[in-house]
Amino acid sequence: MESLKRLVIEAGDKKGGSLLNVIYRLMINSSDRSIRDLYEFILEKSAAPYIQILKKWIFEGILEDWFDEFIVKENPEFSKKEQVS
């Protein structure tokens, strides 16, 4: 339980890549194999939505970031429909 408490404290209000970095850092710095496995599991499950956003952005050019977690931000001043002549 102490390792989960540490994760909660260090994660604070972080989200997206910042949160994944916290989990990864805790995982690689753990000397206890069972704790490292726990952090690895949490990282894998936490990264899945982020990876989906990344794939959709890279392969389809669509940015669906409902919770403002992704490193790339859409600029509403520009539209895909606008064409510069």
C-alpha atoms as a PDB file:
ATOM      1  CA  MET A   1       0.000   0.000   0.000  1.00  0.00           C
ATOM      2  CA  GLU A   2       2.891   2.335   0.650  1.00  0.00           C
ATOM      3  CA  SER A   3       3.873   2.196  -3.033  1.00  0.00           C
ATOM      4  CA  LEU A   4       0.367   3.195  -4.128  1.00  0.00           C
ATOM      5  CA  LYS A   5       0.369   6.034  -1.621  1.00  0.00           C
ATOM      6  CA  ARG A   6       3.674   7.220  -3.075  1.00  0.00           C
ATOM      7  CA  LEU A   7       2.206   7.098  -6.586  1.00  0.00           C
ATOM      8  CA  VAL A   8      -0.835   9.132  -5.554  1.00  0.00           C
ATOM      9  CA  ILE A   9       1.311  11.750  -3.816  1.00  0.00           C
ATOM     10  CA  GLU A  10       3.813  12.088  -6.666  1.00  0.00           C
ATOM     11  CA  ALA A  11       1.122  12.063  -9.353  1.00  0.00           C
ATOM     12  CA  GLY A  12      -0.748  14.940  -7.718  1.00  0.00           C
ATOM     13  CA  ASP A  13      -2.868  16.603 -10.390  1.00  0.00           C
ATOM     14  CA  LYS A  14      -0.708  15.457 -13.308  1.00  0.00           C
ATOM     15  CA  LYS A  15      -2.306  13.970 -16.383  1.00  0.00           C
ATOM     16  CA  GLY A  16      -1.315  12.656 -19.788  1.00  0.00           C
ATOM     17  CA  GLY A  17       2.380  12.278 -20.489  1.00  0.00           C
ATOM     18  CA  SER A  18       3.371  13.886 -17.193  1.00  0.00           C
ATOM     19  CA  LEU A  19       1.475  11.232 -15.261  1.00  0.00           C
ATOM     20  CA  LEU A  20       2.949   8.453 -17.393  1.00  0.00           C
ATOM     21  CA  ASN A  21       6.425   9.836 -16.665  1.00  0.00           C
ATOM     22  CA  VAL A  22       5.790   9.714 -12.909  1.00  0.00           C
ATOM     23  CA  ILE A  23       4.631   6.098 -13.094  1.00  0.00           C
ATOM     24  CA  TYR A  24       7.576   5.128 -15.299  1.00  0.00           C
ATOM     25  CA  ARG A  25      10.103   6.819 -12.998  1.00  0.00           C
ATOM     26  CA  LEU A  26       8.673   5.042  -9.950  1.00  0.00           C
ATOM     27  CA  MET A  27       8.750   1.748 -11.841  1.00  0.00           C
ATOM     28  CA  ILE A  28      12.383   1.938 -12.938  1.00  0.00           C
ATOM     29  CA  ASN A  29      13.547   3.170  -9.536  1.00  0.00           C
ATOM     30  CA  SER A  30      11.904   0.368  -7.574  1.00  0.00           C
ATOM     31  CA  SER A  31      14.226  -2.350  -6.309  1.00  0.00           C
ATOM     32  CA  ASP A  32      11.335  -4.621  -5.267  1.00  0.00           C
ATOM     33  CA  ARG A  33      10.240  -6.818  -8.175  1.00  0.00           C
ATOM     34  CA  SER A  34       6.610  -7.046  -7.029  1.00  0.00           C
ATOM     35  CA  ILE A  35       6.349  -3.249  -6.720  1.00  0.00           C
ATOM     36  CA  ARG A  36       8.008  -2.814 -10.117  1.00  0.00           C
ATOM     37  CA  ASP A  37       5.478  -5.256 -11.588  1.00  0.00           C
ATOM     38  CA  LEU A  38       2.642  -3.279 -10.002  1.00  0.00           C
ATOM     39  CA  TYR A  39       3.905   0.001 -11.472  1.00  0.00           C
ATOM     40  CA  GLU A  40       4.405  -1.699 -14.837  1.00  0.00           C
ATOM     41  CA  PHE A  41       0.796  -2.911 -14.814  1.00  0.00           C
ATOM     42  CA  ILE A  42      -0.482   0.555 -13.879  1.00  0.00           C
ATOM     43  CA  LEU A  43       1.692   2.147 -16.563  1.00  0.00           C
ATOM     44  CA  GLU A  44       0.476  -0.258 -19.230  1.00  0.00           C
ATOM     45  CA  LYS A  45      -3.190   0.366 -18.414  1.00  0.00           C
ATOM     46  CA  SER A  46      -2.682   4.129 -18.043  1.00  0.00           C
ATOM     47  CA  ALA A  47      -0.805   4.467 -21.327  1.00  0.00           C
ATOM     48  CA  ALA A  48      -3.429   2.679 -23.451  1.00  0.00           C
ATOM     49  CA  PRO A  49      -5.757   5.705 -23.925  1.00  0.00           C
ATOM     50  CA  TYR A  50      -2.782   7.986 -24.568  1.00  0.00           C
ATOM     51  CA  ILE A  51      -1.438   5.595 -27.208  1.00  0.00           C
ATOM     52  CA  GLN A  52      -4.877   5.528 -28.883  1.00  0.00           C
ATOM     53  CA  ILE A  53      -4.882   9.340 -29.098  1.00  0.00           C
ATOM     54  CA  LEU A  54      -1.361   9.247 -30.525  1.00  0.00           C
ATOM     55  CA  LYS A  55      -2.216   6.605 -33.146  1.00  0.00           C
ATOM     56  CA  LYS A  56      -5.335   8.431 -34.291  1.00  0.00           C
ATOM     57  CA  TRP A  57      -3.403  11.688 -34.582  1.00  0.00           C
ATOM     58  CA  ILE A  58      -0.474  10.138 -36.482  1.00  0.00           C
ATOM     59  CA  PHE A  59      -2.345   7.769 -38.786  1.00  0.00           C
ATOM     60  CA  GLU A  60      -5.619   9.631 -39.357  1.00  0.00           C
ATOM     61  CA  GLY A  61      -4.728  13.248 -38.645  1.00  0.00           C
ATOM     62  CA  ILE A  62      -7.522  13.441 -36.072  1.00  0.00           C
ATOM     63  CA  LEU A  63      -6.955  14.863 -32.621  1.00  0.00           C
ATOM     64  CA  GLU A  64      -9.499  13.564 -30.101  1.00  0.00           C
ATOM     65  CA  ASP A  65      -8.277  14.732 -26.724  1.00  0.00           C
ATOM     66  CA  TRP A  66     -11.405  15.032 -24.591  1.00  0.00           C
ATOM     67  CA  PHE A  67      -9.510  15.558 -21.341  1.00  0.00           C
ATOM     68  CA  ASP A  68      -6.729  17.860 -22.599  1.00  0.00           C
ATOM     69  CA  GLU A  69      -4.010  15.292 -21.874  1.00  0.00           C
ATOM     70  CA  PHE A  70      -2.133  15.090 -25.148  1.00  0.00           C
ATOM     71  CA  ILE A  71       1.109  16.945 -25.860  1.00  0.00           C
ATOM     72  CA  VAL A  72      -0.284  18.389 -29.117  1.00  0.00           C
ATOM     73  CA  LYS A  73      -3.044  20.977 -28.903  1.00  0.00           C
ATOM     74  CA  GLU A  74      -5.488  21.865 -31.657  1.00  0.00           C
ATOM     75  CA  ASN A  75      -5.600  25.505 -32.705  1.00  0.00           C
ATOM     76  CA  PRO A  76      -9.277  26.391 -33.215  1.00  0.00           C
ATOM     77  CA  GLU A  77      -8.312  29.376 -35.404  1.00  0.00           C
ATOM     78  CA  PHE A  78      -7.385  26.944 -38.166  1.00  0.00           C
ATOM     79  CA  SER A  79      -9.782  24.563 -39.779  1.00  0.00           C
ATOM     80  CA  LYS A  80      -9.118  21.574 -41.986  1.00  0.00           C
ATOM     81  CA  LYS A  81     -11.832  22.921 -44.294  1.00  0.00           C
ATOM     82  CA  GLU A  82     -10.092  26.246 -44.865  1.00  0.00           C
ATOM     83  CA  GLN A  83      -7.892  26.264 -47.933  1.00  0.00           C
ATOM     84  CA  VAL A  84      -5.322  28.966 -48.590  1.00  0.00           C
ATOM     85  CA  SER A  85      -5.162  29.864 -52.296  1.00  0.00           C
END
